[in-house]
Amino acid sequence: MALFEKQFTEIRDFLKQREGTSAYREFVHAAPASWPSGMRRSVVLAQDMAVELGSPQEESSSCLIWHDDPARVRDGHITLIGPDIGESTGKGLPFGKVVLVAADGFNEENSYDRYRELDGVRYDLDLKGYMMRAVSQYQREWSRVSAEAVKDGFSFGVLGGSLIDALRRKEYVRAVEVIFVTASRGDVSGLVPIADGAMRIIGALNKMLQELEFDCDTCDNTDVCNDVAELRSMREKLMKKGETGHGR
């Protein structure tokens, strides 16, 4: 399913523009991450913190999108644009995160539920010294890393690898790639329109599935459906199911 074809292209363009700069690095996550568990008690207080990622004082952008073609996702790759966690010279870093997933079996009925399941994996990460502080509906993600964790070597390699491992456990996931951006507020801001476009598609998908409402004249998402051929196709399939009485 190629709902996010435009966003995949935009992300590749974003990376290409920064590839070759001193801020750009790539890692390949091969072995399963071995960072110790926080035992569901990993609270990082301000006095114990080494760095905050994407706090309200910094720029932040986060999104997860999927594709049905595994060739569009570089499985196990982690790209970092900017300083790693242990290289931060201050208490805060702007934070951008993009998760690319290749998956099988997404269709007009299960796509939104599967998106929620995949996006929810980030809340389940249980890493000692790492705490997700808050996530908002505006695609912002705010987290903390303790000084002890940084001393022990916590990095975006650990965070990205743990996320890749967790997503790969879903039976329908074929490949996962993670991109982190901490170079500057401007670099993170470059991800915001990509994330906004993705969330508009997800919002339109949710509206179709939850409300089963297809009156395009009164819908705020008409322009999105008109721009995304796959979304139009899904809408038409749902309409036909509704007309024949075989909807959910």
C-alpha atoms as a PDB file:
ATOM      1  CA  MET A   1       0.000   0.000   0.000  1.00  0.00           C
ATOM      2  CA  ALA A   2       1.526   3.272  -1.169  1.00  0.00           C
ATOM      3  CA  LEU A   3      -0.487   5.837   0.770  1.00  0.00           C
ATOM      4  CA  PHE A   4       2.683   7.735   1.620  1.00  0.00           C
ATOM      5  CA  GLU A   5       4.500   7.665  -1.719  1.00  0.00           C
ATOM      6  CA  LYS A   6       4.934  11.441  -1.663  1.00  0.00           C
ATOM      7  CA  GLN A   7       6.262  11.420   1.909  1.00  0.00           C
ATOM      8  CA  PHE A   8       8.751   8.630   1.160  1.00  0.00           C
ATOM      9  CA  THR A   9      10.096  10.673  -1.745  1.00  0.00           C
ATOM     10  CA  GLU A  10      10.278  13.822   0.381  1.00  0.00           C
ATOM     11  CA  ILE A  11      12.204  12.011   3.116  1.00  0.00           C
ATOM     12  CA  ARG A  12      14.718  10.622   0.612  1.00  0.00           C
ATOM     13  CA  ASP A  13      15.177  14.143  -0.764  1.00  0.00           C
ATOM     14  CA  PHE A  14      15.624  15.479   2.778  1.00  0.00           C
ATOM     15  CA  LEU A  15      18.367  12.911   3.448  1.00  0.00           C
ATOM     16  CA  LYS A  16      20.068  13.429   0.096  1.00  0.00           C
ATOM     17  CA  GLN A  17      20.386  17.166   0.762  1.00  0.00           C
ATOM     18  CA  ARG A  18      22.302  16.443   3.978  1.00  0.00           C
ATOM     19  CA  GLU A  19      24.258  13.366   2.948  1.00  0.00           C
ATOM     20  CA  GLY A  20      27.983  14.023   2.888  1.00  0.00           C
ATOM     21  CA  THR A  21      27.905  16.728   5.558  1.00  0.00           C
ATOM     22  CA  SER A  22      29.803  16.307   8.825  1.00  0.00           C
ATOM     23  CA  ALA A  23      26.490  15.997  10.680  1.00  0.00           C
ATOM     24  CA  TYR A  24      25.342  12.966   8.660  1.00  0.00           C
ATOM     25  CA  ARG A  25      25.981   9.422   9.911  1.00  0.00           C
ATOM     26  CA  GLU A  26      24.537   5.987   9.222  1.00  0.00           C
ATOM     27  CA  PHE A  27      24.501   2.832  11.311  1.00  0.00           C
ATOM     28  CA  VAL A  28      23.252  -0.660  10.535  1.00  0.00           C
ATOM     29  CA  HIS A  29      21.433  -2.437  13.344  1.00  0.00           C
ATOM     30  CA  ALA A  30      22.241  -6.130  12.996  1.00  0.00           C
ATOM     31  CA  ALA A  31      22.234  -7.873  16.399  1.00  0.00           C
ATOM     32  CA  PRO A  32      19.279  -7.405  18.763  1.00  0.00           C
ATOM     33  CA  ALA A  33      19.672  -4.465  21.135  1.00  0.00           C
ATOM     34  CA  SER A  34      20.935  -5.474  24.577  1.00  0.00           C
ATOM     35  CA  TRP A  35      20.270  -2.358  26.650  1.00  0.00           C
ATOM     36  CA  PRO A  36      18.979  -3.249  30.148  1.00  0.00           C
ATOM     37  CA  SER A  37      15.296  -2.934  30.944  1.00  0.00           C
ATOM     38  CA  GLY A  38      14.013  -0.110  33.085  1.00  0.00           C
ATOM     39  CA  MET A  39      11.697  -2.626  34.782  1.00  0.00           C
ATOM     40  CA  ARG A  40       8.823  -0.253  33.962  1.00  0.00           C
ATOM     41  CA  ARG A  41      10.221   2.203  36.508  1.00  0.00           C
ATOM     42  CA  SER A  42      12.476   4.334  34.316  1.00  0.00           C
ATOM     43  CA  VAL A  43      11.562   7.801  35.582  1.00  0.00           C
ATOM     44  CA  VAL A  44      14.172  10.446  34.781  1.00  0.00           C
ATOM     45  CA  LEU A  45      13.930  13.434  37.109  1.00  0.00           C
ATOM     46  CA  ALA A  46      15.336  16.819  36.144  1.00  0.00           C
ATOM     47  CA  GLN A  47      18.250  16.505  38.551  1.00  0.00           C
ATOM     48  CA  ASP A  48      19.223  13.120  37.059  1.00  0.00           C
ATOM     49  CA  MET A  49      18.886  14.155  33.434  1.00  0.00           C
ATOM     50  CA  ALA A  50      21.719  14.512  30.922  1.00  0.00           C
ATOM     51  CA  VAL A  51      19.665  15.692  27.953  1.00  0.00           C
ATOM     52  CA  GLU A  52      16.097  16.332  26.847  1.00  0.00           C
ATOM     53  CA  LEU A  53      15.049  15.562  23.284  1.00  0.00           C
ATOM     54  CA  GLY A  54      12.370  17.738  21.682  1.00  0.00           C
ATOM     55  CA  SER A  55      11.299  19.659  24.798  1.00  0.00           C
ATOM     56  CA  PRO A  56       8.797  22.538  24.441  1.00  0.00           C
ATOM     57  CA  GLN A  57      11.767  24.922  24.253  1.00  0.00           C
ATOM     58  CA  GLU A  58      13.127  23.053  21.215  1.00  0.00           C
ATOM     59  CA  GLU A  59      11.779  22.071  17.802  1.00  0.00           C
ATOM     60  CA  SER A  60      10.285  18.586  17.607  1.00  0.00           C
ATOM     61  CA  SER A  61       8.753  16.442  14.866  1.00  0.00           C
ATOM     62  CA  SER A  62       7.882  12.737  14.810  1.00  0.00           C
ATOM     63  CA  CYS A  63       6.039  10.450  12.418  1.00  0.00           C
ATOM     64  CA  LEU A  64       5.673   6.823  11.329  1.00  0.00           C
ATOM     65  CA  ILE A  65       4.684   5.852   7.784  1.00  0.00           C
ATOM     66  CA  TRP A  66       4.514   2.573   5.899  1.00  0.00           C
ATOM     67  CA  HIS A  67       4.852   1.107   2.416  1.00  0.00           C
ATOM     68  CA  ASP A  68       4.075  -2.281   0.891  1.00  0.00           C
ATOM     69  CA  ASP A  69       7.370  -2.413  -1.037  1.00  0.00           C
ATOM     70  CA  PRO A  70      10.300  -3.591   1.152  1.00  0.00           C
ATOM     71  CA  ALA A  71      12.695  -2.080  -1.389  1.00  0.00           C
ATOM     72  CA  ARG A  72      11.583   1.381  -0.265  1.00  0.00           C
ATOM     73  CA  VAL A  73      12.834   0.768   3.290  1.00  0.00           C
ATOM     74  CA  ARG A  74      16.497   0.122   4.163  1.00  0.00           C
ATOM     75  CA  ASP A  75      15.966  -2.532   6.773  1.00  0.00           C
ATOM     76  CA  GLY A  76      17.986  -2.034   9.955  1.00  0.00           C
ATOM     77  CA  HIS A  77      19.408   1.331   8.884  1.00  0.00           C
ATOM     78  CA  ILE A  78      19.603   4.148  11.423  1.00  0.00           C
ATOM     79  CA  THR A  79      20.462   7.600  10.093  1.00  0.00           C
ATOM     80  CA  LEU A  80      21.559  10.366  12.457  1.00  0.00           C
ATOM     81  CA  ILE A  81      21.833  13.977  11.342  1.00  0.00           C
ATOM     82  CA  GLY A  82      23.402  15.939  14.171  1.00  0.00           C
ATOM     83  CA  PRO A  83      25.014  15.161  17.517  1.00  0.00           C
ATOM     84  CA  ASP A  84      24.396  11.847  19.238  1.00  0.00           C
ATOM     85  CA  ILE A  85      22.959  11.855  22.752  1.00  0.00           C
ATOM     86  CA  GLY A  86      26.346  11.670  24.458  1.00  0.00           C
ATOM     87  CA  GLU A  87      27.714  14.452  22.228  1.00  0.00           C
ATOM     88  CA  SER A  88      25.206  17.094  23.242  1.00  0.00           C
ATOM     89  CA  THR A  89      26.907  20.204  24.637  1.00  0.00           C
ATOM     90  CA  GLY A  90      23.790  21.343  26.480  1.00  0.00           C
ATOM     91  CA  LYS A  91      20.786  19.999  28.310  1.00  0.00           C
ATOM     92  CA  GLY A  92      18.500  20.035  25.285  1.00  0.00           C
ATOM     93  CA  LEU A  93      18.470  18.993  21.643  1.00  0.00           C
ATOM     94  CA  PRO A  94      15.916  19.642  18.899  1.00  0.00           C
ATOM     95  CA  PHE A  95      14.511  16.276  17.941  1.00  0.00           C
ATOM     96  CA  GLY A  96      13.215  14.847  14.711  1.00  0.00           C
ATOM     97  CA  LYS A  97      12.291  11.205  14.262  1.00  0.00           C
ATOM     98  CA  VAL A  98      10.955   9.403  11.207  1.00  0.00           C
ATOM     99  CA  VAL A  99      10.149   5.687  11.258  1.00  0.00           C
ATOM    100  CA  LEU A 100       9.751   3.950   7.896  1.00  0.00           C
ATOM    101  CA  VAL A 101       8.081   0.534   7.852  1.00  0.00           C
ATOM    102  CA  ALA A 102       7.576  -1.986   5.055  1.00  0.00           C
ATOM    103  CA  ALA A 103       4.613  -4.213   5.818  1.00  0.00           C
ATOM    104  CA  ASP A 104       2.260  -6.756   4.266  1.00  0.00           C
ATOM    105  CA  GLY A 105      -1.500  -6.995   4.306  1.00  0.00           C
ATOM    106  CA  PHE A 106      -2.596  -3.410   4.916  1.00  0.00           C
ATOM    107  CA  ASN A 107      -6.044  -2.767   3.440  1.00  0.00           C
ATOM    108  CA  GLU A 108      -8.982  -0.362   3.646  1.00  0.00           C
ATOM    109  CA  GLU A 109     -10.302  -1.985   6.813  1.00  0.00           C
ATOM    110  CA  ASN A 110      -7.211  -2.591   8.945  1.00  0.00           C
ATOM    111  CA  SER A 111      -4.821   0.231   8.005  1.00  0.00           C
ATOM    112  CA  TYR A 112      -5.753   2.689  10.736  1.00  0.00           C
ATOM    113  CA  ASP A 113      -5.771   0.042  13.486  1.00  0.00           C
ATOM    114  CA  ARG A 114      -2.395  -1.238  12.344  1.00  0.00           C
ATOM    115  CA  TYR A 115      -1.021   2.301  12.270  1.00  0.00           C
ATOM    116  CA  ARG A 116      -2.133   2.775  15.875  1.00  0.00           C
ATOM    117  CA  GLU A 117      -0.506  -0.529  16.810  1.00  0.00           C
ATOM    118  CA  LEU A 118       2.813   0.363  15.163  1.00  0.00           C
ATOM    119  CA  ASP A 119       2.867   3.917  16.480  1.00  0.00           C
ATOM    120  CA  GLY A 120       2.113   2.630  19.964  1.00  0.00           C
ATOM    121  CA  VAL A 121       5.309   0.557  20.026  1.00  0.00           C
ATOM    122  CA  ARG A 122       7.307   3.647  21.053  1.00  0.00           C
ATOM    123  CA  TYR A 123       5.337   3.820  24.308  1.00  0.00           C
ATOM    124  CA  ASP A 124       6.252   0.239  25.122  1.00  0.00           C
ATOM    125  CA  LEU A 125      10.018   0.696  24.924  1.00  0.00           C
ATOM    126  CA  ASP A 126      11.399  -0.053  28.376  1.00  0.00           C
ATOM    127  CA  LEU A 127      14.992   1.174  28.399  1.00  0.00           C
ATOM    128  CA  LYS A 128      16.863   1.961  31.585  1.00  0.00           C
ATOM    129  CA  GLY A 129      17.537   5.688  31.849  1.00  0.00           C
ATOM    130  CA  TYR A 130      15.234   6.657  28.955  1.00  0.00           C
ATOM    131  CA  MET A 131      11.818   8.202  29.567  1.00  0.00           C
ATOM    132  CA  MET A 132       9.292   9.485  27.079  1.00  0.00           C
ATOM    133  CA  ARG A 133       7.958  12.619  28.702  1.00  0.00           C
ATOM    134  CA  ALA A 134       5.115  13.536  26.374  1.00  0.00           C
ATOM    135  CA  VAL A 135       3.693  13.072  22.888  1.00  0.00           C
ATOM    136  CA  SER A 136       1.175  15.489  21.394  1.00  0.00           C
ATOM    137  CA  GLN A 137      -1.247  15.366  18.499  1.00  0.00           C
ATOM    138  CA  TYR A 138       0.981  17.840  16.685  1.00  0.00           C
ATOM    139  CA  GLN A 139       3.591  15.151  15.931  1.00  0.00           C
ATOM    140  CA  ARG A 140       5.870  16.356  18.705  1.00  0.00           C
ATOM    141  CA  GLU A 141       7.826  13.896  20.860  1.00  0.00           C
ATOM    142  CA  TRP A 142       9.574  14.858  24.106  1.00  0.00           C
ATOM    143  CA  SER A 143      11.863  12.504  26.032  1.00  0.00           C
ATOM    144  CA  ARG A 144      14.648  12.475  28.619  1.00  0.00           C
ATOM    145  CA  VAL A 145      17.877  10.511  29.003  1.00  0.00           C
ATOM    146  CA  SER A 146      19.576  10.168  32.362  1.00  0.00           C
ATOM    147  CA  ALA A 147      23.205  11.078  33.041  1.00  0.00           C
ATOM    148  CA  GLU A 148      23.844   7.497  34.161  1.00  0.00           C
ATOM    149  CA  ALA A 149      22.516   6.112  30.878  1.00  0.00           C
ATOM    150  CA  VAL A 150      24.716   8.477  28.867  1.00  0.00           C
ATOM    151  CA  LYS A 151      27.712   7.442  30.952  1.00  0.00           C
ATOM    152  CA  ASP A 152      26.904   3.802  30.194  1.00  0.00           C
ATOM    153  CA  GLY A 153      26.757   4.487  26.454  1.00  0.00           C
ATOM    154  CA  PHE A 154      23.096   5.123  25.644  1.00  0.00           C
ATOM    155  CA  SER A 155      22.864   6.448  22.094  1.00  0.00           C
ATOM    156  CA  PHE A 156      20.578   6.813  19.118  1.00  0.00           C
ATOM    157  CA  GLY A 157      21.985   3.482  17.975  1.00  0.00           C
ATOM    158  CA  VAL A 158      20.523   1.902  21.111  1.00  0.00           C
ATOM    159  CA  LEU A 159      17.221   3.791  20.859  1.00  0.00           C
ATOM    160  CA  GLY A 160      16.786   3.163  17.143  1.00  0.00           C
ATOM    161  CA  GLY A 161      17.865  -0.478  17.402  1.00  0.00           C
ATOM    162  CA  SER A 162      15.412  -1.140  20.230  1.00  0.00           C
ATOM    163  CA  LEU A 163      12.602   0.411  18.206  1.00  0.00           C
ATOM    164  CA  ILE A 164      13.523  -1.634  15.133  1.00  0.00           C
ATOM    165  CA  ASP A 165      13.555  -4.856  17.207  1.00  0.00           C
ATOM    166  CA  ALA A 166      10.145  -4.099  18.695  1.00  0.00           C
ATOM    167  CA  LEU A 167       8.532  -3.288  15.344  1.00  0.00           C
ATOM    168  CA  ARG A 168      10.004  -6.384  13.691  1.00  0.00           C
ATOM    169  CA  ARG A 169       8.100  -8.516  16.202  1.00  0.00           C
ATOM    170  CA  LYS A 170       4.857  -7.629  14.416  1.00  0.00           C
ATOM    171  CA  GLU A 171       4.150 -10.516  12.068  1.00  0.00           C
ATOM    172  CA  TYR A 172       3.217  -8.248   9.163  1.00  0.00           C
ATOM    173  CA  VAL A 173       6.362  -6.057   9.355  1.00  0.00           C
ATOM    174  CA  ARG A 174       9.077  -6.836   6.797  1.00  0.00           C
ATOM    175  CA  ALA A 175      11.564  -3.963   7.221  1.00  0.00           C
ATOM    176  CA  VAL A 176      12.169  -0.972   9.498  1.00  0.00           C
ATOM    177  CA  GLU A 177      14.350   2.110   9.087  1.00  0.00           C
ATOM    178  CA  VAL A 178      14.754   4.962  11.580  1.00  0.00           C
ATOM    179  CA  ILE A 179      15.944   8.534  11.021  1.00  0.00           C
ATOM    180  CA  PHE A 180      16.935  10.906  13.837  1.00  0.00           C
ATOM    181  CA  VAL A 181      17.613  14.628  13.385  1.00  0.00           C
ATOM    182  CA  THR A 182      19.256  16.780  16.078  1.00  0.00           C
ATOM    183  CA  ALA A 183      21.468  19.105  14.018  1.00  0.00           C
ATOM    184  CA  SER A 184      19.441  22.290  14.395  1.00  0.00           C
ATOM    185  CA  ARG A 185      15.936  23.664  14.822  1.00  0.00           C
ATOM    186  CA  GLY A 186      15.947  24.403  11.100  1.00  0.00           C
ATOM    187  CA  ASP A 187      16.792  20.822  10.168  1.00  0.00           C
ATOM    188  CA  VAL A 188      14.037  19.457  12.392  1.00  0.00           C
ATOM    189  CA  SER A 189      11.619  22.050  11.015  1.00  0.00           C
ATOM    190  CA  GLY A 190      12.295  20.569   7.579  1.00  0.00           C
ATOM    191  CA  LEU A 191      10.528  17.397   8.711  1.00  0.00           C
ATOM    192  CA  VAL A 192       7.406  19.189   9.943  1.00  0.00           C
ATOM    193  CA  PRO A 193       5.584  19.541   6.579  1.00  0.00           C
ATOM    194  CA  ILE A 194       6.368  15.894   5.785  1.00  0.00           C
ATOM    195  CA  ALA A 195       4.886  14.765   9.111  1.00  0.00           C
ATOM    196  CA  ASP A 196       1.909  17.102   8.669  1.00  0.00           C
ATOM    197  CA  GLY A 197       1.171  15.625   5.240  1.00  0.00           C
ATOM    198  CA  ALA A 198       1.360  12.104   6.619  1.00  0.00           C
ATOM    199  CA  MET A 199      -0.966  12.911   9.498  1.00  0.00           C
ATOM    200  CA  ARG A 200      -3.534  14.445   7.155  1.00  0.00           C
ATOM    201  CA  ILE A 201      -3.629  11.146   5.262  1.00  0.00           C
ATOM    202  CA  ILE A 202      -3.961   9.192   8.504  1.00  0.00           C
ATOM    203  CA  GLY A 203      -6.708  11.555   9.666  1.00  0.00           C
ATOM    204  CA  ALA A 204      -8.623  11.069   6.408  1.00  0.00           C
ATOM    205  CA  LEU A 205      -8.227   7.305   6.720  1.00  0.00           C
ATOM    206  CA  ASN A 206      -9.563   7.361  10.276  1.00  0.00           C
ATOM    207  CA  LYS A 207     -12.547   9.487   9.268  1.00  0.00           C
ATOM    208  CA  MET A 208     -13.493   7.044   6.516  1.00  0.00           C
ATOM    209  CA  LEU A 209     -13.159   3.993   8.745  1.00  0.00           C
ATOM    210  CA  GLN A 210     -14.744   5.348  11.907  1.00  0.00           C
ATOM    211  CA  GLU A 211     -17.543   7.474  10.486  1.00  0.00           C
ATOM    212  CA  LEU A 212     -18.161   5.603   7.224  1.00  0.00           C
ATOM    213  CA  GLU A 213     -19.045   9.014   5.854  1.00  0.00           C
ATOM    214  CA  PHE A 214     -18.327   9.620   2.181  1.00  0.00           C
ATOM    215  CA  ASP A 215     -19.990  12.968   1.505  1.00  0.00           C
ATOM    216  CA  CYS A 216     -17.061  14.698  -0.162  1.00  0.00           C
ATOM    217  CA  ASP A 217     -18.900  18.048  -0.317  1.00  0.00           C
ATOM    218  CA  THR A 218     -18.848  18.362   3.481  1.00  0.00           C
ATOM    219  CA  CYS A 219     -15.542  16.633   4.265  1.00  0.00           C
ATOM    220  CA  ASP A 220     -12.414  18.582   5.278  1.00  0.00           C
ATOM    221  CA  ASN A 221     -10.179  15.909   3.770  1.00  0.00           C
ATOM    222  CA  THR A 222     -11.372  16.078   0.157  1.00  0.00           C
ATOM    223  CA  ASP A 223      -8.137  17.636  -1.056  1.00  0.00           C
ATOM    224  CA  VAL A 224      -6.121  14.837   0.578  1.00  0.00           C
ATOM    225  CA  CYS A 225      -8.215  12.103  -1.027  1.00  0.00           C
ATOM    226  CA  ASN A 226      -7.961  13.850  -4.384  1.00  0.00           C
ATOM    227  CA  ASP A 227      -4.160  13.970  -4.134  1.00  0.00           C
ATOM    228  CA  VAL A 228      -3.605  10.383  -2.956  1.00  0.00           C
ATOM    229  CA  ALA A 229      -4.762   7.758  -5.446  1.00  0.00           C
ATOM    230  CA  GLU A 230      -4.513   4.927  -2.922  1.00  0.00           C
ATOM    231  CA  LEU A 231      -6.769   6.802  -0.496  1.00  0.00           C
ATOM    232  CA  ARG A 232      -9.361   7.337  -3.229  1.00  0.00           C
ATOM    233  CA  SER A 233      -9.262   3.626  -4.019  1.00  0.00           C
ATOM    234  CA  MET A 234      -9.786   2.734  -0.364  1.00  0.00           C
ATOM    235  CA  ARG A 235     -12.707   5.147  -0.135  1.00  0.00           C
ATOM    236  CA  GLU A 236     -14.345   3.609  -3.188  1.00  0.00           C
ATOM    237  CA  LYS A 237     -13.945   0.069  -1.789  1.00  0.00           C
ATOM    238  CA  LEU A 238     -15.494   1.098   1.530  1.00  0.00           C
ATOM    239  CA  MET A 239     -18.373   2.801  -0.266  1.00  0.00           C
ATOM    240  CA  LYS A 240     -19.098  -0.340  -2.273  1.00  0.00           C
ATOM    241  CA  LYS A 241     -19.057  -2.479   0.870  1.00  0.00           C
ATOM    242  CA  GLY A 242     -21.462  -0.067   2.520  1.00  0.00           C
ATOM    243  CA  GLU A 243     -23.806  -0.146  -0.459  1.00  0.00           C
ATOM    244  CA  THR A 244     -23.892  -3.956  -0.499  1.00  0.00           C
ATOM    245  CA  GLY A 245     -24.302  -4.243   3.280  1.00  0.00           C
ATOM    246  CA  HIS A 246     -20.955  -5.894   3.847  1.00  0.00           C
ATOM    247  CA  GLY A 247     -19.284  -3.066   5.776  1.00  0.00           C
ATOM    248  CA  ARG A 248     -17.854  -3.518   9.246  1.00  0.00           C
END
